Amino acid sequence: MNIKEVSEYLGIKKSSLYSRVEKKEIPHYKIGRLIRFKKSEIDPWMEKFKSEPPDLHAEARRILKGVTKGIDIDAIVNKSIAEVKGLNYTPSPGRSDRIKGLGKEVEDGTI
């Protein structure tokens, strides 16, 4: 492969590639004044620069650990689940000593 092909393959500028060749940072061959590359050598070279994605779960736990000191997370989660499921107690509005009926109750609450 020539400079142009490797530049396009790696997605970097030709000037950056020339700089890496000059510093001997990338495997290459010089044939007179020509610079050539083997794809079979470029791919392993490129693998050295591979970065692993961060463990987002571990990062979230680390952040939450610092934020939630002294807070009962389990209680918050259980309360939230109960609210979503409608399991929490919500008293009905009005007075509980009134009997609903025809509206003809007497003073003591009897019909």
Protein backbone atom coordinates (compact mmCIF):
# COMPACT_ATOMS: atom_id res chain seq x y z
CA MET A 1 0.00 0.00 0.00
CA ASN A 2 1.19 3.53 -0.66
CA ILE A 3 0.87 6.67 1.50
CA LYS A 4 -2.46 7.69 -0.02
CA GLU A 5 -4.02 4.25 0.45
CA VAL A 6 -2.87 3.93 4.07
CA SER A 7 -3.96 7.50 4.79
CA GLU A 8 -7.46 6.71 3.54
CA TYR A 9 -7.50 3.31 5.26
CA LEU A 10 -6.56 4.78 8.65
CA GLY A 11 -8.50 7.99 8.17
CA ILE A 12 -5.53 10.24 8.93
CA LYS A 13 -3.83 12.99 6.95
CA LYS A 14 -0.94 12.12 4.66
CA SER A 15 1.21 14.65 6.53
CA SER A 16 0.54 12.82 9.81
CA LEU A 17 1.47 9.55 8.17
CA TYR A 18 4.72 11.01 6.78
CA SER A 19 5.51 12.27 10.29
CA ARG A 20 4.99 8.79 11.78
CA VAL A 21 7.18 7.27 9.07
CA GLU A 22 9.94 9.78 9.79
CA LYS A 23 9.76 9.00 13.53
CA LYS A 24 9.65 5.25 12.75
CA GLU A 25 6.37 4.94 14.65
CA ILE A 26 4.61 2.90 11.98
CA PRO A 27 5.86 -0.23 10.15
CA HIS A 28 6.88 0.70 6.62
CA TYR A 29 9.30 -0.09 3.80
CA LYS A 30 11.47 2.33 1.84
CA ILE A 31 12.17 1.38 -1.74
CA GLY A 32 14.44 4.18 -2.89
CA ARG A 33 12.35 7.25 -2.17
CA LEU A 34 9.05 5.36 -2.20
CA ILE A 35 7.34 4.46 1.05
CA ARG A 36 5.24 1.31 1.13
CA PHE A 37 3.22 -0.52 3.78
CA LYS A 38 1.89 -4.02 4.27
CA LYS A 39 -1.74 -4.17 5.39
CA SER A 40 -0.88 -7.31 7.38
CA GLU A 41 1.51 -5.17 9.45
CA ILE A 42 -0.70 -2.06 9.69
CA ASP A 43 -3.64 -3.89 11.31
CA PRO A 44 -1.65 -5.31 14.28
CA TRP A 45 0.09 -1.94 14.70
CA MET A 46 -3.30 -0.25 14.84
CA GLU A 47 -4.55 -2.77 17.47
CA LYS A 48 -2.00 -1.32 19.92
CA PHE A 49 -4.08 1.86 20.02
CA LYS A 50 -7.35 0.11 20.79
CA SER A 51 -9.08 1.44 23.88
CA GLU A 52 -11.64 -0.53 25.84
CA PRO A 53 -15.01 1.09 26.57
CA PRO A 54 -15.52 2.02 30.22
CA ASP A 55 -17.53 -0.25 32.50
CA LEU A 56 -20.59 1.98 32.87
CA HIS A 57 -22.14 -0.10 35.63
CA ALA A 58 -19.02 0.15 37.77
CA GLU A 59 -18.79 3.89 37.09
CA ALA A 60 -22.45 4.40 38.05
CA ARG A 61 -21.97 2.41 41.26
CA ARG A 62 -18.91 4.49 42.13
CA ILE A 63 -20.81 7.74 41.60
CA LEU A 64 -23.90 6.59 43.49
CA LYS A 65 -21.81 5.31 46.37
CA GLY A 66 -20.49 8.82 47.00
CA VAL A 67 -23.86 10.50 46.57
CA THR A 68 -26.02 8.12 48.60
CA LYS A 69 -24.16 7.93 51.90
CA GLY A 70 -26.70 7.64 54.72
CA ILE A 71 -29.65 7.12 52.37
CA ASP A 72 -31.59 3.85 52.41
CA ILE A 73 -31.68 3.06 48.70
CA ASP A 74 -33.66 -0.15 49.26
CA ALA A 75 -36.45 1.77 50.99
CA ILE A 76 -36.60 4.29 48.14
CA VAL A 77 -36.72 1.52 45.54
CA ASN A 78 -39.40 -0.44 47.43
CA LYS A 79 -41.52 2.69 47.87
CA SER A 80 -41.20 3.50 44.17
CA ILE A 81 -42.22 -0.03 43.18
CA ALA A 82 -45.21 0.09 45.55
CA GLU A 83 -46.33 3.42 44.07
CA VAL A 84 -46.08 2.09 40.53
CA LYS A 85 -48.02 -1.06 41.42
CA GLY A 86 -50.58 0.94 43.41
CA LEU A 87 -49.83 -0.96 46.60
CA ASN A 88 -49.44 2.01 48.88
CA TYR A 89 -52.33 2.98 51.17
CA THR A 90 -54.24 6.04 50.15
CA PRO A 91 -57.25 6.81 52.40
CA SER A 92 -60.48 7.74 50.63
CA PRO A 93 -61.49 11.37 50.93
CA GLY A 94 -64.25 12.31 53.37
CA ARG A 95 -65.23 11.21 56.84
CA SER A 96 -65.27 7.51 57.60
CA ASP A 97 -68.15 7.73 60.13
CA ARG A 98 -70.69 8.59 57.42
CA ILE A 99 -72.73 5.85 55.84
CA LYS A 100 -73.49 6.39 52.21
CA GLY A 101 -77.04 5.66 51.21
CA LEU A 102 -80.16 7.47 50.23
CA GLY A 103 -79.28 10.55 52.25
CA LYS A 104 -82.17 10.06 54.67
CA GLU A 105 -80.06 9.23 57.72
CA VAL A 106 -81.08 10.52 61.12
CA GLU A 107 -78.84 12.19 63.69
CA ASP A 108 -77.37 8.96 65.11
CA GLY A 109 -76.52 7.58 61.65
CA THR A 110 -79.39 5.07 61.43
CA ILE A 111 -81.96 4.97 58.69
